[in-house]
Amino acid sequence: MLLPGGSSAQRPVPATIHLIYMGGNDCPPCVAWRRTELPKLQQTEVFKTVTFVYAEKLIRSTVPPRLFLPEAAKPFKDKLDHASGGVIGSPQVAVLVDGEVVDYYLTSRSAADVEKMLLALRGQRAYPFQRCLRRADRQRCAEPA
C-alpha cells in the first residue's frame, strides 16, 4: 500500500475494502453524486474489487442507528460512530480496509478522485488526500492518519 507522500508500506495488499457512503435525498450534493459520479465510478476496474455500501441518512443526523444501516455496514457501526465524531451533515463517507477506518470525509469527491483513492489502497499509487481517522467537526480532523 502506498501511503501519503508516496512511501511504500511493507504489508500485503488489503483483503477487503469497504466504501460506505451515507447521505439521502434531502442532500442535493448526495443526489448529484449518486446520479453523475457513482455510475462513472462503477465502470472502473478497481471499484469492482471493493464493497460499496449506500446508507440513507438525513442531513441533520449523524451515522444512522444500527437498525437502519444496510447489513454490510452493521458490523462497522461502532467504528463509524467513532470516526464521525458525532458530526451531523451529508454526505459522510467512510473508507475501511480490512475492517478498520482509514479515511472518513464529509464531501462529495469525483469518481476520478475516488478511483485514485481505491487504487492507492490497492497499492498502485500514493493516496491523493490527507486521510482522517476521526472528525472533530465538518471542517477539522481530530485524528489525522
N, C-alpha and C. Protein backbone atom coordinates (compact mmCIF):
# COMPACT_ATOMS: atom_id res chain seq x y z
N MET A 1 0.85 -1.18 0.00
CA MET A 1 0.00 0.00 0.00
C MET A 1 0.89 1.23 0.00
N LEU A 2 0.64 2.16 -0.89
CA LEU A 2 1.39 3.41 -0.90
C LEU A 2 0.70 4.40 0.01
N LEU A 3 1.48 5.03 0.83
CA LEU A 3 0.94 5.98 1.80
C LEU A 3 1.10 7.40 1.28
N PRO A 4 0.44 8.38 1.93
CA PRO A 4 0.62 9.77 1.50
C PRO A 4 2.10 10.11 1.41
N GLY A 5 2.46 10.79 0.36
CA GLY A 5 3.86 11.13 0.16
C GLY A 5 4.59 10.11 -0.70
N GLY A 6 3.90 9.00 -1.03
CA GLY A 6 4.46 8.03 -1.94
C GLY A 6 5.27 6.93 -1.30
N SER A 7 5.43 6.93 0.04
CA SER A 7 6.21 5.87 0.66
C SER A 7 5.43 4.57 0.62
N SER A 8 6.14 3.50 0.55
CA SER A 8 5.52 2.18 0.43
C SER A 8 5.59 1.46 1.76
N ALA A 9 4.46 0.98 2.24
CA ALA A 9 4.42 0.23 3.49
C ALA A 9 4.73 -1.23 3.18
N GLN A 10 5.39 -1.91 4.10
CA GLN A 10 5.71 -3.31 3.93
C GLN A 10 4.58 -4.15 4.52
N ARG A 11 3.46 -4.20 3.81
CA ARG A 11 2.36 -5.04 4.24
C ARG A 11 1.61 -5.50 3.01
N PRO A 12 0.90 -6.60 3.12
CA PRO A 12 0.22 -7.12 1.94
C PRO A 12 -0.92 -6.20 1.50
N VAL A 13 -1.29 -6.33 0.25
CA VAL A 13 -2.44 -5.59 -0.28
C VAL A 13 -3.66 -6.01 0.54
N PRO A 14 -4.50 -5.06 0.94
CA PRO A 14 -5.64 -5.39 1.79
C PRO A 14 -6.58 -6.40 1.14
N ALA A 15 -7.14 -7.25 1.98
CA ALA A 15 -8.08 -8.27 1.50
C ALA A 15 -9.44 -7.65 1.18
N THR A 16 -9.88 -6.73 2.02
CA THR A 16 -11.21 -6.15 1.80
C THR A 16 -11.18 -4.63 1.97
N ILE A 17 -11.88 -3.98 1.08
CA ILE A 17 -12.07 -2.54 1.16
C ILE A 17 -13.57 -2.28 1.11
N HIS A 18 -14.05 -1.52 2.09
CA HIS A 18 -15.45 -1.08 2.10
C HIS A 18 -15.48 0.43 1.89
N LEU A 19 -16.35 0.87 1.02
CA LEU A 19 -16.61 2.29 0.81
C LEU A 19 -18.06 2.50 1.23
N ILE A 20 -18.25 3.16 2.37
CA ILE A 20 -19.59 3.35 2.92
C ILE A 20 -19.99 4.81 2.73
N TYR A 21 -20.96 5.03 1.87
CA TYR A 21 -21.43 6.37 1.53
C TYR A 21 -22.76 6.60 2.23
N MET A 22 -22.81 7.66 3.06
CA MET A 22 -24.02 7.96 3.83
C MET A 22 -24.56 9.33 3.44
N GLY A 23 -25.78 9.34 2.94
CA GLY A 23 -26.45 10.58 2.52
C GLY A 23 -27.83 10.23 2.04
N GLY A 24 -28.65 11.25 1.84
CA GLY A 24 -30.03 10.97 1.44
C GLY A 24 -30.53 11.93 0.38
N ASN A 25 -31.81 11.79 0.09
CA ASN A 25 -32.43 12.60 -0.94
C ASN A 25 -32.65 14.05 -0.51
N ASP A 26 -32.48 14.36 0.77
CA ASP A 26 -32.58 15.75 1.24
C ASP A 26 -31.27 16.50 1.05
N CYS A 27 -30.28 15.84 0.50
CA CYS A 27 -28.93 16.39 0.33
C CYS A 27 -28.65 16.53 -1.17
N PRO A 28 -28.77 17.74 -1.73
CA PRO A 28 -28.53 17.91 -3.18
C PRO A 28 -27.17 17.40 -3.65
N PRO A 29 -26.06 17.64 -2.93
CA PRO A 29 -24.79 17.08 -3.41
C PRO A 29 -24.79 15.54 -3.42
N CYS A 30 -25.50 14.93 -2.47
CA CYS A 30 -25.57 13.47 -2.42
C CYS A 30 -26.33 12.93 -3.63
N VAL A 31 -27.46 13.56 -3.94
CA VAL A 31 -28.27 13.14 -5.08
C VAL A 31 -27.47 13.30 -6.37
N ALA A 32 -26.80 14.44 -6.51
CA ALA A 32 -26.00 14.69 -7.71
C ALA A 32 -24.86 13.68 -7.83
N TRP A 33 -24.19 13.37 -6.71
CA TRP A 33 -23.08 12.41 -6.75
C TRP A 33 -23.58 11.04 -7.19
N ARG A 34 -24.70 10.60 -6.62
CA ARG A 34 -25.23 9.28 -6.97
C ARG A 34 -25.69 9.26 -8.43
N ARG A 35 -26.14 10.38 -8.94
CA ARG A 35 -26.64 10.44 -10.31
C ARG A 35 -25.50 10.52 -11.33
N THR A 36 -24.44 11.28 -11.02
CA THR A 36 -23.40 11.51 -12.02
C THR A 36 -22.10 10.78 -11.75
N GLU A 37 -21.60 10.83 -10.52
CA GLU A 37 -20.28 10.27 -10.22
C GLU A 37 -20.30 8.77 -9.94
N LEU A 38 -21.31 8.30 -9.22
CA LEU A 38 -21.36 6.87 -8.89
C LEU A 38 -21.38 6.00 -10.15
N PRO A 39 -22.20 6.31 -11.17
CA PRO A 39 -22.15 5.47 -12.38
C PRO A 39 -20.77 5.44 -13.04
N LYS A 40 -20.06 6.57 -13.03
CA LYS A 40 -18.71 6.60 -13.59
C LYS A 40 -17.78 5.71 -12.77
N LEU A 41 -17.90 5.82 -11.45
CA LEU A 41 -17.06 5.02 -10.57
C LEU A 41 -17.34 3.53 -10.75
N GLN A 42 -18.59 3.18 -10.92
CA GLN A 42 -18.97 1.78 -11.08
C GLN A 42 -18.38 1.16 -12.34
N GLN A 43 -17.97 1.98 -13.29
CA GLN A 43 -17.38 1.48 -14.54
C GLN A 43 -15.89 1.18 -14.42
N THR A 44 -15.28 1.58 -13.30
CA THR A 44 -13.85 1.37 -13.14
C THR A 44 -13.56 -0.05 -12.68
N GLU A 45 -12.39 -0.54 -13.05
CA GLU A 45 -11.99 -1.89 -12.65
C GLU A 45 -11.79 -1.99 -11.14
N VAL A 46 -11.18 -0.97 -10.53
CA VAL A 46 -10.89 -1.05 -9.10
C VAL A 46 -12.17 -1.04 -8.27
N PHE A 47 -13.22 -0.38 -8.74
CA PHE A 47 -14.48 -0.35 -7.99
C PHE A 47 -15.05 -1.76 -7.85
N LYS A 48 -14.82 -2.58 -8.83
CA LYS A 48 -15.33 -3.96 -8.82
C LYS A 48 -14.65 -4.81 -7.76
N THR A 49 -13.57 -4.30 -7.17
CA THR A 49 -12.84 -5.05 -6.15
C THR A 49 -13.18 -4.62 -4.73
N VAL A 50 -14.10 -3.67 -4.59
CA VAL A 50 -14.46 -3.16 -3.26
C VAL A 50 -15.93 -3.43 -2.99
N THR A 51 -16.29 -3.33 -1.72
CA THR A 51 -17.70 -3.43 -1.33
C THR A 51 -18.21 -2.01 -1.13
N PHE A 52 -19.15 -1.61 -1.98
CA PHE A 52 -19.76 -0.29 -1.86
C PHE A 52 -21.07 -0.44 -1.10
N VAL A 53 -21.25 0.41 -0.09
CA VAL A 53 -22.47 0.37 0.71
C VAL A 53 -23.06 1.77 0.72
N TYR A 54 -24.32 1.85 0.34
CA TYR A 54 -25.04 3.13 0.41
C TYR A 54 -25.98 3.07 1.61
N ALA A 55 -25.80 4.01 2.54
CA ALA A 55 -26.67 4.09 3.71
C ALA A 55 -27.42 5.42 3.66
N GLU A 56 -28.71 5.35 3.67
CA GLU A 56 -29.51 6.57 3.63
C GLU A 56 -29.54 7.22 5.00
N LYS A 57 -29.30 8.53 5.01
CA LYS A 57 -29.38 9.31 6.25
C LYS A 57 -29.78 10.73 5.92
N LEU A 58 -30.41 11.38 6.87
CA LEU A 58 -30.80 12.77 6.70
C LEU A 58 -29.62 13.70 6.98
N ILE A 59 -29.65 14.87 6.38
CA ILE A 59 -28.59 15.85 6.60
C ILE A 59 -28.42 16.15 8.08
N ARG A 60 -29.50 16.31 8.79
CA ARG A 60 -29.44 16.72 10.20
C ARG A 60 -29.23 15.55 11.16
N SER A 61 -28.69 14.45 10.65
CA SER A 61 -28.44 13.31 11.52
C SER A 61 -26.98 12.89 11.43
N THR A 62 -26.58 12.10 12.41
CA THR A 62 -25.24 11.52 12.43
C THR A 62 -25.30 10.18 11.70
N VAL A 63 -24.35 9.33 11.95
CA VAL A 63 -24.37 7.97 11.39
C VAL A 63 -25.70 7.33 11.79
N PRO A 64 -26.39 6.69 10.85
CA PRO A 64 -27.68 6.08 11.18
C PRO A 64 -27.57 5.03 12.29
N PRO A 65 -28.66 4.83 13.04
CA PRO A 65 -28.68 3.75 14.03
C PRO A 65 -28.45 2.40 13.35
N ARG A 66 -27.89 1.46 14.07
CA ARG A 66 -27.59 0.13 13.53
C ARG A 66 -28.81 -0.48 12.82
N LEU A 67 -29.98 -0.29 13.40
CA LEU A 67 -31.21 -0.85 12.84
C LEU A 67 -31.43 -0.39 11.40
N PHE A 68 -31.01 0.83 11.07
CA PHE A 68 -31.27 1.40 9.75
C PHE A 68 -30.08 1.30 8.79
N LEU A 69 -28.98 0.76 9.26
CA LEU A 69 -27.83 0.57 8.38
C LEU A 69 -28.03 -0.67 7.50
N PRO A 70 -27.53 -0.64 6.28
CA PRO A 70 -27.55 -1.86 5.46
C PRO A 70 -26.74 -2.95 6.16
N GLU A 71 -27.07 -4.20 5.90
CA GLU A 71 -26.41 -5.33 6.55
C GLU A 71 -24.89 -5.25 6.44
N ALA A 72 -24.38 -4.85 5.27
CA ALA A 72 -22.93 -4.83 5.06
C ALA A 72 -22.23 -3.77 5.91
N ALA A 73 -22.97 -2.78 6.43
CA ALA A 73 -22.38 -1.72 7.25
C ALA A 73 -22.55 -1.97 8.74
N LYS A 74 -23.51 -2.81 9.11
CA LYS A 74 -23.80 -3.02 10.53
C LYS A 74 -22.59 -3.45 11.37
N PRO A 75 -21.72 -4.32 10.86
CA PRO A 75 -20.57 -4.72 11.69
C PRO A 75 -19.63 -3.55 12.02
N PHE A 76 -19.74 -2.47 11.29
CA PHE A 76 -18.83 -1.34 11.47
C PHE A 76 -19.46 -0.16 12.21
N LYS A 77 -20.66 -0.34 12.74
CA LYS A 77 -21.39 0.76 13.37
C LYS A 77 -20.55 1.50 14.41
N ASP A 78 -19.94 0.80 15.33
CA ASP A 78 -19.16 1.46 16.38
C ASP A 78 -17.98 2.23 15.79
N LYS A 79 -17.34 1.66 14.79
CA LYS A 79 -16.21 2.34 14.15
C LYS A 79 -16.67 3.57 13.38
N LEU A 80 -17.83 3.48 12.75
CA LEU A 80 -18.39 4.64 12.04
C LEU A 80 -18.72 5.76 13.02
N ASP A 81 -19.33 5.40 14.14
CA ASP A 81 -19.66 6.40 15.17
C ASP A 81 -18.39 7.10 15.66
N HIS A 82 -17.36 6.31 15.94
CA HIS A 82 -16.10 6.89 16.42
C HIS A 82 -15.48 7.81 15.37
N ALA A 83 -15.41 7.33 14.13
CA ALA A 83 -14.76 8.10 13.07
C ALA A 83 -15.52 9.39 12.75
N SER A 84 -16.84 9.34 12.85
CA SER A 84 -17.65 10.52 12.52
C SER A 84 -17.52 11.62 13.56
N GLY A 85 -17.11 11.25 14.77
CA GLY A 85 -17.03 12.24 15.84
C GLY A 85 -18.38 12.83 16.21
N GLY A 86 -19.46 12.15 15.83
CA GLY A 86 -20.80 12.64 16.13
C GLY A 86 -21.26 13.79 15.25
N VAL A 87 -20.52 14.05 14.19
CA VAL A 87 -20.83 15.16 13.29
C VAL A 87 -22.12 14.88 12.52
N ILE A 88 -22.93 15.91 12.36
CA ILE A 88 -24.11 15.80 11.51
C ILE A 88 -23.76 16.35 10.13
N GLY A 89 -24.59 16.07 9.16
CA GLY A 89 -24.39 16.57 7.81
C GLY A 89 -24.21 15.43 6.83
N SER A 90 -24.35 15.78 5.57
CA SER A 90 -24.23 14.80 4.49
C SER A 90 -23.52 15.46 3.32
N PRO A 91 -22.82 14.67 2.54
CA PRO A 91 -22.55 13.25 2.72
C PRO A 91 -21.46 13.00 3.75
N GLN A 92 -21.44 11.77 4.24
CA GLN A 92 -20.36 11.28 5.08
C GLN A 92 -19.89 9.98 4.44
N VAL A 93 -18.59 9.85 4.29
CA VAL A 93 -18.04 8.68 3.61
C VAL A 93 -16.94 8.06 4.47
N ALA A 94 -17.08 6.77 4.69
CA ALA A 94 -16.06 6.01 5.43
C ALA A 94 -15.38 5.05 4.47
N VAL A 95 -14.05 5.01 4.56
CA VAL A 95 -13.26 4.05 3.79
C VAL A 95 -12.62 3.13 4.80
N LEU A 96 -12.93 1.84 4.70
CA LEU A 96 -12.39 0.85 5.62
C LEU A 96 -11.53 -0.15 4.86
N VAL A 97 -10.41 -0.49 5.45
CA VAL A 97 -9.52 -1.51 4.90
C VAL A 97 -9.38 -2.60 5.94
N ASP A 98 -9.73 -3.81 5.54
CA ASP A 98 -9.70 -4.95 6.45
C ASP A 98 -10.41 -4.63 7.77
N GLY A 99 -11.54 -3.94 7.67
CA GLY A 99 -12.39 -3.65 8.82
C GLY A 99 -12.01 -2.45 9.65
N GLU A 100 -10.96 -1.72 9.25
CA GLU A 100 -10.51 -0.54 10.01
C GLU A 100 -10.68 0.72 9.18
N VAL A 101 -11.16 1.78 9.80
CA VAL A 101 -11.34 3.06 9.10
C VAL A 101 -9.96 3.61 8.75
N VAL A 102 -9.76 3.91 7.46
CA VAL A 102 -8.51 4.53 7.01
C VAL A 102 -8.74 5.95 6.51
N ASP A 103 -9.99 6.32 6.29
CA ASP A 103 -10.33 7.68 5.91
C ASP A 103 -11.81 7.90 6.15
N TYR A 104 -12.14 9.12 6.62
CA TYR A 104 -13.53 9.49 6.86
C TYR A 104 -13.65 10.93 6.42
N TYR A 105 -14.47 11.16 5.40
CA TYR A 105 -14.59 12.52 4.87
C TYR A 105 -16.05 12.92 4.69
N LEU A 106 -16.25 14.24 4.62
CA LEU A 106 -17.59 14.81 4.58
C LEU A 106 -17.74 15.73 3.38
N THR A 107 -17.64 15.15 2.22
CA THR A 107 -17.79 15.91 0.98
C THR A 107 -18.03 14.92 -0.15
N SER A 108 -18.41 15.44 -1.28
CA SER A 108 -18.54 14.59 -2.46
C SER A 108 -17.27 14.71 -3.29
N ARG A 109 -16.61 13.60 -3.51
CA ARG A 109 -15.41 13.58 -4.35
C ARG A 109 -15.78 13.01 -5.71
N SER A 110 -15.10 13.47 -6.72
CA SER A 110 -15.37 12.99 -8.08
C SER A 110 -15.06 11.50 -8.19
N ALA A 111 -15.65 10.89 -9.21
CA ALA A 111 -15.37 9.48 -9.47
C ALA A 111 -13.88 9.27 -9.70
N ALA A 112 -13.26 10.20 -10.41
CA ALA A 112 -11.81 10.08 -10.68
C ALA A 112 -11.01 10.13 -9.39
N ASP A 113 -11.40 11.00 -8.46
CA ASP A 113 -10.69 11.09 -7.18
C ASP A 113 -10.89 9.83 -6.34
N VAL A 114 -12.11 9.31 -6.31
CA VAL A 114 -12.37 8.09 -5.54
C VAL A 114 -11.62 6.92 -6.17
N GLU A 115 -11.58 6.87 -7.48
CA GLU A 115 -10.81 5.82 -8.16
C GLU A 115 -9.34 5.90 -7.73
N LYS A 116 -8.77 7.10 -7.69
CA LYS A 116 -7.37 7.27 -7.25
C LYS A 116 -7.18 6.77 -5.82
N MET A 117 -8.16 7.06 -4.95
CA MET A 117 -8.09 6.59 -3.57
C MET A 117 -8.06 5.06 -3.52
N LEU A 118 -8.97 4.45 -4.26
CA LEU A 118 -9.07 3.00 -4.24
C LEU A 118 -7.83 2.35 -4.84
N LEU A 119 -7.30 2.93 -5.90
CA LEU A 119 -6.06 2.41 -6.48
C LEU A 119 -4.91 2.51 -5.49
N ALA A 120 -4.88 3.60 -4.73
CA ALA A 120 -3.84 3.75 -3.71
C ALA A 120 -3.96 2.65 -2.65
N LEU A 121 -5.18 2.37 -2.26
CA LEU A 121 -5.39 1.32 -1.25
C LEU A 121 -5.07 -0.06 -1.79
N ARG A 122 -5.12 -0.21 -3.08
CA ARG A 122 -4.73 -1.47 -3.72
C ARG A 122 -3.23 -1.49 -4.04
N GLY A 123 -2.50 -0.44 -3.59
CA GLY A 123 -1.05 -0.43 -3.72
C GLY A 123 -0.52 0.08 -5.03
N GLN A 124 -1.34 0.75 -5.82
CA GLN A 124 -0.90 1.15 -7.14
C GLN A 124 -0.47 2.61 -7.24
N ARG A 125 -0.64 3.40 -6.19
CA ARG A 125 -0.20 4.80 -6.21
C ARG A 125 -0.31 5.39 -4.82
N ALA A 126 0.12 6.64 -4.66
CA ALA A 126 0.03 7.33 -3.37
C ALA A 126 -1.40 7.79 -3.13
N TYR A 127 -1.82 7.77 -1.87
CA TYR A 127 -3.17 8.23 -1.52
C TYR A 127 -3.27 9.71 -1.84
N PRO A 128 -4.31 10.14 -2.55
CA PRO A 128 -4.36 11.51 -3.06
C PRO A 128 -4.83 12.58 -2.08
N PHE A 129 -5.23 12.21 -0.89
CA PHE A 129 -5.75 13.17 0.08
C PHE A 129 -5.12 12.91 1.44
N GLN A 130 -5.18 13.94 2.29
CA GLN A 130 -4.80 13.71 3.68
C GLN A 130 -5.93 12.89 4.30
N ARG A 131 -5.57 11.79 4.92
CA ARG A 131 -6.59 10.91 5.49
C ARG A 131 -6.95 11.35 6.91
N CYS A 132 -8.22 11.11 7.27
CA CYS A 132 -8.71 11.45 8.61
C CYS A 132 -9.31 10.19 9.23
N LEU A 133 -8.89 9.86 10.43
CA LEU A 133 -9.41 8.69 11.13
C LEU A 133 -10.58 9.02 12.04
N ARG A 134 -10.68 10.29 12.45
CA ARG A 134 -11.81 10.73 13.30
C ARG A 134 -12.00 12.22 13.11
N ARG A 135 -13.24 12.60 12.85
CA ARG A 135 -13.58 14.00 12.62
C ARG A 135 -13.71 14.76 13.93
N ALA A 136 -13.31 16.01 13.93
CA ALA A 136 -13.58 16.93 15.05
C ALA A 136 -14.89 17.65 14.78
N ASP A 137 -15.05 18.06 13.52
CA ASP A 137 -16.28 18.69 13.05
C ASP A 137 -16.24 18.62 11.52
N ARG A 138 -17.11 19.33 10.86
CA ARG A 138 -17.18 19.24 9.39
C ARG A 138 -15.89 19.72 8.73
N GLN A 139 -15.23 20.70 9.32
CA GLN A 139 -14.04 21.28 8.70
C GLN A 139 -12.72 20.70 9.22
N ARG A 140 -12.72 20.17 10.43
CA ARG A 140 -11.45 19.77 11.04
C ARG A 140 -11.41 18.28 11.35
N CYS A 141 -10.21 17.75 11.21
CA CYS A 141 -9.95 16.36 11.53
C CYS A 141 -9.36 16.31 12.93
N ALA A 142 -9.92 15.49 13.80
CA ALA A 142 -9.39 15.35 15.16
C ALA A 142 -8.21 14.38 15.20
N GLU A 143 -8.20 13.44 14.27
CA GLU A 143 -7.16 12.39 14.27
C GLU A 143 -6.69 12.11 12.84
N PRO A 144 -5.73 12.90 12.36
CA PRO A 144 -5.21 12.63 11.02
C PRO A 144 -4.47 11.30 11.00
N ALA A 145 -4.45 10.68 9.84
CA ALA A 145 -3.72 9.40 9.68
C ALA A 145 -2.24 9.67 9.49
